[in-house]
Amino acid sequence: MPAISRVPQHSGWSLLATLLVLAVLALTGRGVGAQTTLAAALDDYLRVQTAALPGTVTFQIGQLDRHARLTACNAFEPFLPSGSRLWGNTTVGVRCLGPSRWTVYVPVQIRIAGNYLVAARQLAPGQVVGAADLLPQSGDLGALPASVLTDPAQAIGKTARQGVAVGQPLRSELLSAAWAVQQGQSVKLLSSGAGFSVSNEGKALNNAAEGQVAQVRTASGQLVSGIARQGGIVEVNY
């Protein structure tokens, strides 16, 4: 009886097994890569959230909680605690969404290299700010109040609420919008309601910026309140 020659059958199976092993390894590697760390999640969050700040932003993440570093977590959710903002020394919260849920708060220092405005000369209370009153300075905006002004358009035409010294950084709370209506000014009253619109005149009883409430006494002595608009106009809606 002739000898039966057996052709090895394992070559095809070996190739298939190898491919399966490689696929499993690729999937495993992809899973590990997707599992970010708390520090990486914080870094990504801060880069996105500070992108619109006025200047070149750098940040330093403080010491991470040891429990948070050692406890397994599949997904992190950074957030800004109520009352906090990404400016100067602040705090960012991070929630672990699983397998166990926990929250930590991480100290963060935000530095913002950019330009801000200071008073080029002494500003008196009630003085209207012009371009010549402003001087740009460069520095760390994060070391200044978040209300510091960075664009001349934020200051020009506004009125100083109080005296401002030479070289003092200008902040939004130091200035008020120019009056749309001034006390004693003759104003145009635009009254409107369902199916009617009336225009008459009166005298403003208070100063009011655009969008603020102005009180007006009409020629007949009637006292009305409306919304101040530029050009000495007061809108009254019924």
C-alpha atoms as a PDB file:
ATOM      1  CA  MET A   1       0.000   0.000   0.000  1.00  0.00           C
ATOM      2  CA  PRO A   2       1.545   3.250  -1.109  1.00  0.00           C
ATOM      3  CA  ALA A   3       2.509   5.640   1.596  1.00  0.00           C
ATOM      4  CA  ILE A   4       0.131   8.560   2.021  1.00  0.00           C
ATOM      5  CA  SER A   5       1.863  11.862   1.944  1.00  0.00           C
ATOM      6  CA  ARG A   6       0.283  14.399   4.394  1.00  0.00           C
ATOM      7  CA  VAL A   7       0.535  18.014   3.387  1.00  0.00           C
ATOM      8  CA  PRO A   8       0.922  20.231   6.472  1.00  0.00           C
ATOM      9  CA  GLN A   9      -2.392  22.013   7.113  1.00  0.00           C
ATOM     10  CA  HIS A  10      -1.261  24.393   9.803  1.00  0.00           C
ATOM     11  CA  SER A  11       0.152  27.104   7.533  1.00  0.00           C
ATOM     12  CA  GLY A  12      -3.255  28.665   6.688  1.00  0.00           C
ATOM     13  CA  TRP A  13      -4.462  28.360  10.260  1.00  0.00           C
ATOM     14  CA  SER A  14      -1.236  29.889  11.534  1.00  0.00           C
ATOM     15  CA  LEU A  15      -1.743  32.892   9.294  1.00  0.00           C
ATOM     16  CA  LEU A  16      -5.327  33.316  10.444  1.00  0.00           C
ATOM     17  CA  ALA A  17      -4.336  32.965  14.102  1.00  0.00           C
ATOM     18  CA  THR A  18      -1.564  35.492  13.649  1.00  0.00           C
ATOM     19  CA  LEU A  19      -3.976  37.988  12.100  1.00  0.00           C
ATOM     20  CA  LEU A  20      -6.427  37.477  14.960  1.00  0.00           C
ATOM     21  CA  VAL A  21      -3.706  38.016  17.540  1.00  0.00           C
ATOM     22  CA  LEU A  22      -2.571  41.190  15.786  1.00  0.00           C
ATOM     23  CA  ALA A  23      -6.149  42.464  15.664  1.00  0.00           C
ATOM     24  CA  VAL A  24      -6.610  41.816  19.367  1.00  0.00           C
ATOM     25  CA  LEU A  25      -3.349  43.581  20.158  1.00  0.00           C
ATOM     26  CA  ALA A  26      -4.344  46.549  18.022  1.00  0.00           C
ATOM     27  CA  LEU A  27      -7.684  46.819  19.775  1.00  0.00           C
ATOM     28  CA  THR A  28      -6.044  46.469  23.156  1.00  0.00           C
ATOM     29  CA  GLY A  29      -3.510  49.138  22.320  1.00  0.00           C
ATOM     30  CA  ARG A  30      -6.272  51.431  21.085  1.00  0.00           C
ATOM     31  CA  GLY A  31      -8.164  50.976  24.327  1.00  0.00           C
ATOM     32  CA  VAL A  32      -5.149  51.840  26.423  1.00  0.00           C
ATOM     33  CA  GLY A  33      -4.481  54.931  24.332  1.00  0.00           C
ATOM     34  CA  ALA A  34      -8.066  56.123  24.788  1.00  0.00           C
ATOM     35  CA  GLN A  35      -7.814  55.889  28.541  1.00  0.00           C
ATOM     36  CA  THR A  36      -6.530  59.367  29.350  1.00  0.00           C
ATOM     37  CA  THR A  37      -5.026  60.455  32.646  1.00  0.00           C
ATOM     38  CA  LEU A  38      -6.439  63.072  34.977  1.00  0.00           C
ATOM     39  CA  ALA A  39      -3.569  65.433  34.157  1.00  0.00           C
ATOM     40  CA  ALA A  40      -4.105  64.987  30.397  1.00  0.00           C
ATOM     41  CA  ALA A  41      -7.865  65.605  30.765  1.00  0.00           C
ATOM     42  CA  LEU A  42      -7.133  68.791  32.729  1.00  0.00           C
ATOM     43  CA  ASP A  43      -4.575  69.925  30.165  1.00  0.00           C
ATOM     44  CA  ASP A  44      -7.018  69.451  27.270  1.00  0.00           C
ATOM     45  CA  TYR A  45      -9.805  71.244  29.159  1.00  0.00           C
ATOM     46  CA  LEU A  46      -7.628  74.244  30.039  1.00  0.00           C
ATOM     47  CA  ARG A  47      -6.288  74.620  26.496  1.00  0.00           C
ATOM     48  CA  VAL A  48      -9.803  74.762  25.061  1.00  0.00           C
ATOM     49  CA  GLN A  49     -11.316  76.985  27.766  1.00  0.00           C
ATOM     50  CA  THR A  50      -8.507  79.574  27.740  1.00  0.00           C
ATOM     51  CA  ALA A  51      -8.180  79.821  23.957  1.00  0.00           C
ATOM     52  CA  ALA A  52     -10.287  83.012  23.786  1.00  0.00           C
ATOM     53  CA  LEU A  53      -8.470  84.899  26.567  1.00  0.00           C
ATOM     54  CA  PRO A  54      -6.778  88.162  25.478  1.00  0.00           C
ATOM     55  CA  GLY A  55      -3.103  87.242  25.248  1.00  0.00           C
ATOM     56  CA  THR A  56      -0.681  84.317  25.295  1.00  0.00           C
ATOM     57  CA  VAL A  57      -1.868  81.848  27.911  1.00  0.00           C
ATOM     58  CA  THR A  58       0.223  79.423  29.932  1.00  0.00           C
ATOM     59  CA  PHE A  59      -0.985  77.466  32.915  1.00  0.00           C
ATOM     60  CA  GLN A  60       0.448  75.405  35.712  1.00  0.00           C
ATOM     61  CA  ILE A  61      -1.498  72.554  37.289  1.00  0.00           C
ATOM     62  CA  GLY A  62      -0.947  72.137  41.034  1.00  0.00           C
ATOM     63  CA  GLN A  63      -0.348  68.961  43.014  1.00  0.00           C
ATOM     64  CA  LEU A  64      -2.892  66.281  42.159  1.00  0.00           C
ATOM     65  CA  ASP A  65      -4.662  64.429  44.941  1.00  0.00           C
ATOM     66  CA  ARG A  66      -2.885  61.106  45.643  1.00  0.00           C
ATOM     67  CA  HIS A  67      -6.174  59.213  45.778  1.00  0.00           C
ATOM     68  CA  ALA A  68      -7.139  60.616  42.379  1.00  0.00           C
ATOM     69  CA  ARG A  69      -3.792  59.605  40.874  1.00  0.00           C
ATOM     70  CA  LEU A  70      -3.991  56.026  42.114  1.00  0.00           C
ATOM     71  CA  THR A  71      -7.710  55.273  41.762  1.00  0.00           C
ATOM     72  CA  ALA A  72      -8.763  53.728  38.440  1.00  0.00           C
ATOM     73  CA  CYS A  73     -10.991  55.923  36.268  1.00  0.00           C
ATOM     74  CA  ASN A  74     -12.254  55.345  32.732  1.00  0.00           C
ATOM     75  CA  ALA A  75     -13.497  58.873  32.004  1.00  0.00           C
ATOM     76  CA  PHE A  76     -12.784  62.306  33.468  1.00  0.00           C
ATOM     77  CA  GLU A  77     -15.016  65.385  33.285  1.00  0.00           C
ATOM     78  CA  PRO A  78     -13.275  68.657  34.212  1.00  0.00           C
ATOM     79  CA  PHE A  79     -15.517  71.594  35.182  1.00  0.00           C
ATOM     80  CA  LEU A  80     -15.287  75.096  36.604  1.00  0.00           C
ATOM     81  CA  PRO A  81     -16.766  75.360  40.125  1.00  0.00           C
ATOM     82  CA  SER A  82     -19.447  77.978  40.697  1.00  0.00           C
ATOM     83  CA  GLY A  83     -17.958  81.404  41.337  1.00  0.00           C
ATOM     84  CA  SER A  84     -14.572  80.507  39.808  1.00  0.00           C
ATOM     85  CA  ARG A  85     -13.100  81.675  36.529  1.00  0.00           C
ATOM     86  CA  LEU A  86     -10.010  80.763  34.562  1.00  0.00           C
ATOM     87  CA  TRP A  87      -7.898  83.770  35.559  1.00  0.00           C
ATOM     88  CA  GLY A  88      -4.887  83.989  37.865  1.00  0.00           C
ATOM     89  CA  ASN A  89      -4.903  81.551  40.777  1.00  0.00           C
ATOM     90  CA  THR A  90      -8.040  79.457  40.554  1.00  0.00           C
ATOM     91  CA  THR A  91      -9.457  75.971  41.067  1.00  0.00           C
ATOM     92  CA  VAL A  92     -10.759  73.445  38.547  1.00  0.00           C
ATOM     93  CA  GLY A  93     -12.916  70.472  39.506  1.00  0.00           C
ATOM     94  CA  VAL A  94     -12.627  67.032  37.918  1.00  0.00           C
ATOM     95  CA  ARG A  95     -15.278  64.324  38.130  1.00  0.00           C
ATOM     96  CA  CYS A  96     -14.532  60.647  37.578  1.00  0.00           C
ATOM     97  CA  LEU A  97     -17.483  59.129  35.701  1.00  0.00           C
ATOM     98  CA  GLY A  98     -16.597  55.489  36.308  1.00  0.00           C
ATOM     99  CA  PRO A  99     -16.136  52.757  37.342  1.00  0.00           C
ATOM    100  CA  SER A 100     -16.499  54.551  40.705  1.00  0.00           C
ATOM    101  CA  ARG A 101     -17.642  58.175  40.897  1.00  0.00           C
ATOM    102  CA  TRP A 102     -15.611  60.786  42.734  1.00  0.00           C
ATOM    103  CA  THR A 103     -14.648  64.451  42.446  1.00  0.00           C
ATOM    104  CA  VAL A 104     -11.418  66.315  43.153  1.00  0.00           C
ATOM    105  CA  TYR A 105     -10.513  70.011  43.052  1.00  0.00           C
ATOM    106  CA  VAL A 106      -7.161  70.956  41.556  1.00  0.00           C
ATOM    107  CA  PRO A 107      -5.355  74.318  42.047  1.00  0.00           C
ATOM    108  CA  VAL A 108      -4.389  75.926  38.751  1.00  0.00           C
ATOM    109  CA  GLN A 109      -2.411  79.077  37.969  1.00  0.00           C
ATOM    110  CA  ILE A 110      -3.336  80.875  34.735  1.00  0.00           C
ATOM    111  CA  ARG A 111      -0.772  83.310  33.322  1.00  0.00           C
ATOM    112  CA  ILE A 112      -1.817  85.604  30.458  1.00  0.00           C
ATOM    113  CA  ALA A 113       0.921  87.574  28.728  1.00  0.00           C
ATOM    114  CA  GLY A 114      -0.741  90.506  26.970  1.00  0.00           C
ATOM    115  CA  ASN A 115      -1.445  94.224  26.837  1.00  0.00           C
ATOM    116  CA  TYR A 116      -3.739  96.186  29.137  1.00  0.00           C
ATOM    117  CA  LEU A 117      -4.633  99.854  29.531  1.00  0.00           C
ATOM    118  CA  VAL A 118      -3.478 102.309  32.180  1.00  0.00           C
ATOM    119  CA  ALA A 119      -4.321 105.985  32.659  1.00  0.00           C
ATOM    120  CA  ALA A 120      -1.843 108.134  30.706  1.00  0.00           C
ATOM    121  CA  ARG A 121      -2.753 111.085  32.935  1.00  0.00           C
ATOM    122  CA  GLN A 122      -4.863 111.865  35.966  1.00  0.00           C
ATOM    123  CA  LEU A 123      -8.576 111.306  35.342  1.00  0.00           C
ATOM    124  CA  ALA A 124     -11.034 113.386  37.337  1.00  0.00           C
ATOM    125  CA  PRO A 125     -14.439 112.068  38.423  1.00  0.00           C
ATOM    126  CA  GLY A 126     -16.950 112.666  35.632  1.00  0.00           C
ATOM    127  CA  GLN A 127     -14.256 113.114  32.978  1.00  0.00           C
ATOM    128  CA  VAL A 128     -14.979 111.586  29.572  1.00  0.00           C
ATOM    129  CA  VAL A 129     -12.123 109.296  28.528  1.00  0.00           C
ATOM    130  CA  GLY A 130     -10.398 109.969  25.211  1.00  0.00           C
ATOM    131  CA  ALA A 131      -7.678 108.147  23.275  1.00  0.00           C
ATOM    132  CA  ALA A 132      -5.002 110.476  24.705  1.00  0.00           C
ATOM    133  CA  ASP A 133      -5.945 109.360  28.229  1.00  0.00           C
ATOM    134  CA  LEU A 134      -4.925 105.763  27.549  1.00  0.00           C
ATOM    135  CA  LEU A 135      -1.533 104.085  27.588  1.00  0.00           C
ATOM    136  CA  PRO A 136      -0.927 100.398  26.765  1.00  0.00           C
ATOM    137  CA  GLN A 137       1.204  98.302  29.095  1.00  0.00           C
ATOM    138  CA  SER A 138       2.309  94.687  28.806  1.00  0.00           C
ATOM    139  CA  GLY A 139       2.409  92.128  31.586  1.00  0.00           C
ATOM    140  CA  ASP A 140       0.647  89.184  33.175  1.00  0.00           C
ATOM    141  CA  LEU A 141      -3.073  89.898  32.954  1.00  0.00           C
ATOM    142  CA  GLY A 142      -3.660  86.963  35.290  1.00  0.00           C
ATOM    143  CA  ALA A 143      -2.034  88.966  38.090  1.00  0.00           C
ATOM    144  CA  LEU A 144      -4.574  91.779  37.575  1.00  0.00           C
ATOM    145  CA  PRO A 145      -8.321  91.844  38.224  1.00  0.00           C
ATOM    146  CA  ALA A 146     -10.280  90.092  35.497  1.00  0.00           C
ATOM    147  CA  SER A 147     -12.110  93.385  34.790  1.00  0.00           C
ATOM    148  CA  VAL A 148      -8.927  95.068  33.500  1.00  0.00           C
ATOM    149  CA  LEU A 149      -9.476  96.710  30.111  1.00  0.00           C
ATOM    150  CA  THR A 150      -7.427  95.505  27.130  1.00  0.00           C
ATOM    151  CA  ASP A 151      -9.009  97.359  24.188  1.00  0.00           C
ATOM    152  CA  PRO A 152      -9.227 101.181  23.838  1.00  0.00           C
ATOM    153  CA  ALA A 153     -12.797 100.756  22.531  1.00  0.00           C
ATOM    154  CA  GLN A 154     -13.739  99.542  26.025  1.00  0.00           C
ATOM    155  CA  ALA A 155     -12.791 102.918  27.524  1.00  0.00           C
ATOM    156  CA  ILE A 156     -13.050 105.706  24.945  1.00  0.00           C
ATOM    157  CA  GLY A 157     -16.212 107.753  25.369  1.00  0.00           C
ATOM    158  CA  LYS A 158     -16.932 106.451  28.863  1.00  0.00           C
ATOM    159  CA  THR A 159     -16.932 108.545  32.024  1.00  0.00           C
ATOM    160  CA  ALA A 160     -14.656 108.109  35.045  1.00  0.00           C
ATOM    161  CA  ARG A 161     -16.735 107.188  38.097  1.00  0.00           C
ATOM    162  CA  GLN A 162     -13.943 108.338  40.408  1.00  0.00           C
ATOM    163  CA  GLY A 163     -10.463 109.791  40.238  1.00  0.00           C
ATOM    164  CA  VAL A 164      -7.928 107.574  38.465  1.00  0.00           C
ATOM    165  CA  ALA A 165      -4.195 108.093  39.089  1.00  0.00           C
ATOM    166  CA  VAL A 166      -1.555 108.183  36.368  1.00  0.00           C
ATOM    167  CA  GLY A 167      -0.398 104.647  35.554  1.00  0.00           C
ATOM    168  CA  GLN A 168      -3.345 102.982  37.311  1.00  0.00           C
ATOM    169  CA  PRO A 169      -4.777 100.021  35.371  1.00  0.00           C
ATOM    170  CA  LEU A 170      -8.205 100.825  34.000  1.00  0.00           C
ATOM    171  CA  ARG A 171     -10.963  98.446  35.052  1.00  0.00           C
ATOM    172  CA  SER A 172     -14.541  98.291  33.861  1.00  0.00           C
ATOM    173  CA  GLU A 173     -15.929  99.228  37.284  1.00  0.00           C
ATOM    174  CA  LEU A 174     -13.957 102.505  37.259  1.00  0.00           C
ATOM    175  CA  LEU A 175     -15.825 103.741  34.181  1.00  0.00           C
ATOM    176  CA  SER A 176     -19.457 104.180  33.264  1.00  0.00           C
ATOM    177  CA  ALA A 177     -21.039 104.323  29.860  1.00  0.00           C
ATOM    178  CA  ALA A 178     -21.642 107.763  28.394  1.00  0.00           C
ATOM    179  CA  TRP A 179     -25.064 109.170  29.237  1.00  0.00           C
ATOM    180  CA  ALA A 180     -27.649 108.642  26.520  1.00  0.00           C
ATOM    181  CA  VAL A 181     -29.925 110.990  28.480  1.00  0.00           C
ATOM    182  CA  GLN A 182     -28.791 113.648  30.940  1.00  0.00           C
ATOM    183  CA  GLN A 183     -30.718 115.227  33.799  1.00  0.00           C
ATOM    184  CA  GLY A 184     -32.498 118.391  32.697  1.00  0.00           C
ATOM    185  CA  GLN A 185     -32.190 117.503  29.009  1.00  0.00           C
ATOM    186  CA  SER A 186     -35.180 117.841  26.688  1.00  0.00           C
ATOM    187  CA  VAL A 187     -35.886 114.351  25.378  1.00  0.00           C
ATOM    188  CA  LYS A 188     -38.133 112.770  22.791  1.00  0.00           C
ATOM    189  CA  LEU A 189     -40.681 110.354  24.256  1.00  0.00           C
ATOM    190  CA  LEU A 190     -41.684 107.435  22.048  1.00  0.00           C
ATOM    191  CA  SER A 191     -44.706 105.745  23.626  1.00  0.00           C
ATOM    192  CA  SER A 192     -46.126 102.573  22.074  1.00  0.00           C
ATOM    193  CA  GLY A 193     -48.528  99.787  22.922  1.00  0.00           C
ATOM    194  CA  ALA A 194     -51.098  97.506  21.331  1.00  0.00           C
ATOM    195  CA  GLY A 195     -52.233  99.329  18.211  1.00  0.00           C
ATOM    196  CA  PHE A 196     -50.839 102.772  18.952  1.00  0.00           C
ATOM    197  CA  SER A 197     -47.649 104.823  18.845  1.00  0.00           C
ATOM    198  CA  VAL A 198     -47.284 108.363  20.168  1.00  0.00           C
ATOM    199  CA  SER A 199     -44.372 110.798  20.086  1.00  0.00           C
ATOM    200  CA  ASN A 200     -44.057 113.812  22.359  1.00  0.00           C
ATOM    201  CA  GLU A 201     -41.441 115.634  24.419  1.00  0.00           C
ATOM    202  CA  GLY A 202     -40.458 115.931  28.049  1.00  0.00           C
ATOM    203  CA  LYS A 203     -37.597 116.744  30.401  1.00  0.00           C
ATOM    204  CA  ALA A 204     -35.277 114.073  31.833  1.00  0.00           C
ATOM    205  CA  LEU A 205     -35.166 113.909  35.632  1.00  0.00           C
ATOM    206  CA  ASN A 206     -32.043 111.725  35.894  1.00  0.00           C
ATOM    207  CA  ASN A 207     -28.935 110.632  34.011  1.00  0.00           C
ATOM    208  CA  ALA A 208     -29.250 107.304  32.201  1.00  0.00           C
ATOM    209  CA  ALA A 209     -26.912 105.316  29.962  1.00  0.00           C
ATOM    210  CA  GLU A 210     -28.130 103.330  26.972  1.00  0.00           C
ATOM    211  CA  GLY A 211     -30.639 100.727  28.161  1.00  0.00           C
ATOM    212  CA  GLN A 212     -31.077 102.197  31.635  1.00  0.00           C
ATOM    213  CA  VAL A 213     -34.327 103.554  33.071  1.00  0.00           C
ATOM    214  CA  ALA A 214     -34.924 107.276  32.615  1.00  0.00           C
ATOM    215  CA  GLN A 215     -37.651 109.256  34.330  1.00  0.00           C
ATOM    216  CA  VAL A 216     -39.260 112.010  32.290  1.00  0.00           C
ATOM    217  CA  ARG A 217     -41.752 114.755  33.136  1.00  0.00           C
ATOM    218  CA  THR A 218     -43.995 115.688  30.205  1.00  0.00           C
ATOM    219  CA  ALA A 219     -45.187 119.202  29.370  1.00  0.00           C
ATOM    220  CA  SER A 220     -48.495 118.376  31.080  1.00  0.00           C
ATOM    221  CA  GLY A 221     -46.660 117.475  34.290  1.00  0.00           C
ATOM    222  CA  GLN A 222     -47.112 113.701  33.967  1.00  0.00           C
ATOM    223  CA  LEU A 223     -44.232 111.562  35.279  1.00  0.00           C
ATOM    224  CA  VAL A 224     -43.308 108.573  33.087  1.00  0.00           C
ATOM    225  CA  SER A 225     -40.467 106.041  33.048  1.00  0.00           C
ATOM    226  CA  GLY A 226     -38.861 104.535  29.972  1.00  0.00           C
ATOM    227  CA  ILE A 227     -35.674 103.103  28.504  1.00  0.00           C
ATOM    228  CA  ALA A 228     -32.955 105.568  27.501  1.00  0.00           C
ATOM    229  CA  ARG A 229     -31.659 105.390  23.941  1.00  0.00           C
ATOM    230  CA  GLN A 230     -28.862 107.296  22.226  1.00  0.00           C
ATOM    231  CA  GLY A 231     -29.823 110.661  20.794  1.00  0.00           C
ATOM    232  CA  GLY A 232     -31.927 111.814  23.741  1.00  0.00           C
ATOM    233  CA  ILE A 233     -34.727 109.322  23.140  1.00  0.00           C
ATOM    234  CA  VAL A 234     -36.772 107.571  25.845  1.00  0.00           C
ATOM    235  CA  GLU A 235     -38.910 104.582  24.874  1.00  0.00           C
ATOM    236  CA  VAL A 236     -42.063 103.916  26.887  1.00  0.00           C
ATOM    237  CA  ASN A 237     -43.897 100.624  26.304  1.00  0.00           C
ATOM    238  CA  TYR A 238     -47.425  99.973  27.574  1.00  0.00           C
END
